[in-house]
């Protein structure tokens, strides 16, 4: 004797044949697909809600460290970006714009930064060893704790730059002292004092 029963939880139809229960495979598959679509829609709405909130608040997530080693990035625009711990080792960055960028811990080892705009950038703990900063604009830049041995700063603009604890060659330090003036607006330190100029 066959009879159909409704499952109270999901509305599934069960057929009984003697003492055996038989679940319709078509109905079960339909139920699974429906549940899958409902959860996918809920998750999608949740994710779009998060994206909308982030966009509304103007929140910028922290960038992952990127590698631009040996890249040719002449006149590239990195202004205002968070490039923490990224690497530009031996990259050609001539006339690139890094103004107001977070370059904390970035490696510019042997990079060409000729005529680059680094105004107001955060170069703390960065590696500038053997970098070419000829005619670079370092106005109000933070270079505290930077490693700049063998870096060249010929004709660089360093008004208000903070060189506290920056490792420099003595001859480059003397060159920079001839150009040094101003006070860093963030740390309040005089550029000449941070370079130990006489």
Protein backbone atom coordinates (compact mmCIF):
# COMPACT_ATOMS: atom_id res chain seq x y z
CA UNK A 1 0.00 0.00 0.00
CA UNK A 2 1.50 3.33 -1.15
CA UNK A 3 0.92 6.62 0.66
CA UNK A 4 2.60 10.05 0.56
CA UNK A 5 3.75 11.86 3.70
CA UNK A 6 4.85 15.49 4.02
CA UNK A 7 7.97 16.20 5.92
CA UNK A 8 7.26 18.95 8.45
CA UNK A 9 10.75 20.52 8.13
CA UNK A 10 11.18 20.77 4.40
CA UNK A 11 7.98 19.81 2.66
CA UNK A 12 9.61 16.75 1.06
CA UNK A 13 7.37 14.00 -0.16
CA UNK A 14 8.06 10.51 1.03
CA UNK A 15 6.54 7.37 -0.38
CA UNK A 16 6.03 4.32 1.78
CA UNK A 17 6.09 0.91 0.23
CA UNK A 18 5.43 -1.63 2.87
CA UNK A 19 7.93 -0.93 5.63
CA UNK A 20 10.36 0.99 3.36
CA UNK A 21 10.50 4.80 2.95
CA UNK A 22 11.39 6.03 -0.57
CA UNK A 23 12.48 9.68 -1.10
CA UNK A 24 11.89 11.12 -4.55
CA UNK A 25 15.36 11.95 -5.94
CA UNK A 26 13.95 14.71 -8.17
CA UNK A 27 12.30 16.46 -5.25
CA UNK A 28 15.44 16.15 -3.12
CA UNK A 29 17.63 17.62 -5.90
CA UNK A 30 15.17 20.51 -6.35
CA UNK A 31 15.31 21.22 -2.61
CA UNK A 32 19.14 21.25 -2.63
CA UNK A 33 19.29 23.64 -5.59
CA UNK A 34 16.81 26.00 -3.98
CA UNK A 35 18.81 26.07 -0.72
CA UNK A 36 22.03 26.64 -2.66
CA UNK A 37 20.58 29.62 -4.56
CA UNK A 38 19.18 31.17 -1.39
CA UNK A 39 22.54 30.97 0.42
CA UNK A 40 24.45 32.22 -2.63
CA UNK A 41 22.11 35.24 -2.84
CA UNK A 42 22.47 36.00 0.88
CA UNK A 43 26.28 35.79 0.68
CA UNK A 44 26.35 37.98 -2.42
CA UNK A 45 24.19 40.66 -0.76
CA UNK A 46 26.39 40.53 2.35
CA UNK A 47 29.60 41.03 0.33
CA UNK A 48 28.11 43.87 -1.72
CA UNK A 49 27.00 45.50 1.54
CA UNK A 50 30.56 45.40 2.87
CA UNK A 51 31.93 46.85 -0.39
CA UNK A 52 29.31 49.61 -0.26
CA UNK A 53 30.18 50.52 3.33
CA UNK A 54 33.91 50.61 2.57
CA UNK A 55 33.34 52.79 -0.50
CA UNK A 56 31.06 55.15 1.44
CA UNK A 57 33.53 55.59 4.30
CA UNK A 58 36.46 56.04 1.93
CA UNK A 59 38.41 53.29 3.70
CA UNK A 60 41.55 52.21 1.88
CA UNK A 61 42.78 48.78 2.89
CA UNK A 62 46.49 48.29 3.57
CA UNK A 63 48.35 47.34 0.46
CA UNK A 64 50.18 44.11 0.11
CA UNK A 65 53.89 44.40 -0.59
CA UNK A 66 54.50 44.52 -4.33
CA UNK A 67 57.57 43.75 -6.39
CA UNK A 68 58.66 46.10 -9.18
CA UNK A 69 62.26 44.88 -9.32
CA UNK A 70 64.12 45.87 -12.51
CA UNK A 71 60.93 47.38 -13.99
CA UNK A 72 61.00 50.40 -16.29
CA UNK A 73 58.51 52.79 -14.67
CA UNK A 74 59.54 56.16 -16.10
CA UNK A 75 56.99 58.88 -15.14
CA UNK A 76 54.82 56.35 -13.25
CA UNK A 77 52.31 57.76 -10.76
CA UNK A 78 52.38 56.19 -7.28
CA UNK A 79 51.26 59.35 -5.47
CA UNK A 80 49.33 58.82 -2.24
CA UNK A 81 49.61 55.02 -2.40
CA UNK A 82 50.46 52.67 0.43
CA UNK A 83 53.47 50.71 -0.82
CA UNK A 84 54.74 49.52 2.57
CA UNK A 85 57.53 46.93 2.27
CA UNK A 86 57.37 46.89 -1.54
CA UNK A 87 60.49 46.44 -3.64
CA UNK A 88 61.77 48.62 -6.48
CA UNK A 89 65.26 47.13 -6.57
CA UNK A 90 67.16 48.32 -9.67
CA UNK A 91 63.97 49.82 -11.15
CA UNK A 92 64.07 52.81 -13.49
CA UNK A 93 61.79 55.34 -11.75
CA UNK A 94 63.03 58.49 -13.44
CA UNK A 95 60.52 61.36 -13.08
CA UNK A 96 58.06 59.11 -11.22
CA UNK A 97 55.61 60.59 -8.72
CA UNK A 98 55.72 59.18 -5.17
CA UNK A 99 54.41 62.34 -3.49
CA UNK A 100 52.67 61.69 -0.15
CA UNK A 101 53.09 57.91 -0.60
CA UNK A 102 53.71 55.50 2.27
CA UNK A 103 57.10 54.02 1.37
CA UNK A 104 57.91 52.72 4.84
CA UNK A 105 60.36 49.82 4.56
CA UNK A 106 60.47 50.00 0.75
CA UNK A 107 63.60 48.85 -1.08
CA UNK A 108 64.93 51.28 -3.69
CA UNK A 109 68.28 49.49 -3.80
CA UNK A 110 70.23 50.74 -6.86
CA UNK A 111 67.04 52.32 -8.27
CA UNK A 112 67.11 55.31 -10.60
CA UNK A 113 65.02 58.01 -8.90
CA UNK A 114 66.40 60.87 -10.94
CA UNK A 115 64.01 63.85 -10.87
CA UNK A 116 61.43 61.74 -8.96
CA UNK A 117 58.84 63.54 -6.84
CA UNK A 118 59.05 62.21 -3.27
CA UNK A 119 57.52 65.28 -1.63
CA UNK A 120 55.89 64.48 1.71
CA UNK A 121 56.56 60.75 1.32
CA UNK A 122 57.22 58.43 4.25
CA UNK A 123 60.57 56.77 3.55
CA UNK A 124 61.24 55.64 7.12
CA UNK A 125 63.31 52.46 7.35
CA UNK A 126 63.60 52.30 3.57
CA UNK A 127 66.62 51.03 1.65
CA UNK A 128 68.11 53.69 -0.63
CA UNK A 129 71.55 52.10 -0.85
CA UNK A 130 73.18 52.86 -4.22
CA UNK A 131 70.02 54.69 -5.36
CA UNK A 132 70.32 57.65 -7.72
CA UNK A 133 68.32 60.57 -6.27
CA UNK A 134 69.82 63.25 -8.52
CA UNK A 135 67.47 66.26 -8.72
CA UNK A 136 64.83 64.35 -6.71
CA UNK A 137 62.25 66.37 -4.78
CA UNK A 138 62.42 65.28 -1.12
CA UNK A 139 60.58 68.29 0.30
CA UNK A 140 59.14 67.41 3.74
CA UNK A 141 59.99 63.71 3.25
CA UNK A 142 60.56 61.46 6.27
CA UNK A 143 63.77 59.46 5.90
CA UNK A 144 64.18 58.47 9.54
CA UNK A 145 66.17 55.25 9.88
CA UNK A 146 66.69 54.93 6.12
CA UNK A 147 69.75 53.12 4.80
CA UNK A 148 71.21 55.43 2.15
CA UNK A 149 74.87 54.41 1.95
CA UNK A 150 76.25 55.08 -1.52
CA UNK A 151 73.08 56.94 -2.54
CA UNK A 152 73.61 60.03 -4.69
CA UNK A 153 71.62 63.20 -3.86
CA UNK A 154 73.22 65.68 -6.31
CA UNK A 155 71.01 68.79 -6.70
CA UNK A 156 68.18 67.17 -4.71
CA UNK A 157 65.55 69.40 -3.06
CA UNK A 158 65.55 68.54 0.65
CA UNK A 159 63.67 71.48 2.21
CA UNK A 160 62.05 70.21 5.43
CA UNK A 161 63.26 66.62 4.95
CA UNK A 162 63.98 64.64 8.13
CA UNK A 163 67.22 62.57 7.92
CA UNK A 164 67.23 61.42 11.57
CA UNK A 165 69.32 58.24 11.95
CA UNK A 166 69.76 57.96 8.17
CA UNK A 167 72.96 56.18 7.18
CA UNK A 168 74.80 58.40 4.67
CA UNK A 169 78.32 58.58 3.29
CA UNK A 170 80.24 61.54 4.79
CA UNK A 171 80.74 63.20 1.38
CA UNK A 172 76.99 63.00 0.59
CA UNK A 173 76.20 64.36 4.03
CA UNK A 174 78.40 67.41 3.30
CA UNK A 175 76.66 67.95 -0.05
CA UNK A 176 73.27 67.75 1.61
CA UNK A 177 74.31 70.24 4.31
CA UNK A 178 74.94 72.81 1.55
CA UNK A 179 71.31 72.38 0.43
CA UNK A 180 69.64 71.81 3.81
CA UNK A 181 67.00 74.19 5.10
CA UNK A 182 63.53 74.13 6.58
CA UNK A 183 61.71 72.16 9.26
CA UNK A 184 59.77 68.96 8.78
CA UNK A 185 56.06 69.69 9.41
CA UNK A 186 55.40 66.24 10.93
CA UNK A 187 58.37 65.75 13.26
CA UNK A 188 59.18 69.44 13.85
CA UNK A 189 62.89 68.74 13.31
CA UNK A 190 65.16 71.08 11.36
CA UNK A 191 66.68 69.42 8.30
CA UNK A 192 70.15 70.75 9.18
CA UNK A 193 69.93 69.28 12.68
CA UNK A 194 68.93 65.85 11.40
CA UNK A 195 72.00 65.88 9.12
CA UNK A 196 74.32 67.10 11.92
CA UNK A 197 75.33 70.07 9.78
CA UNK A 198 77.91 72.42 11.41
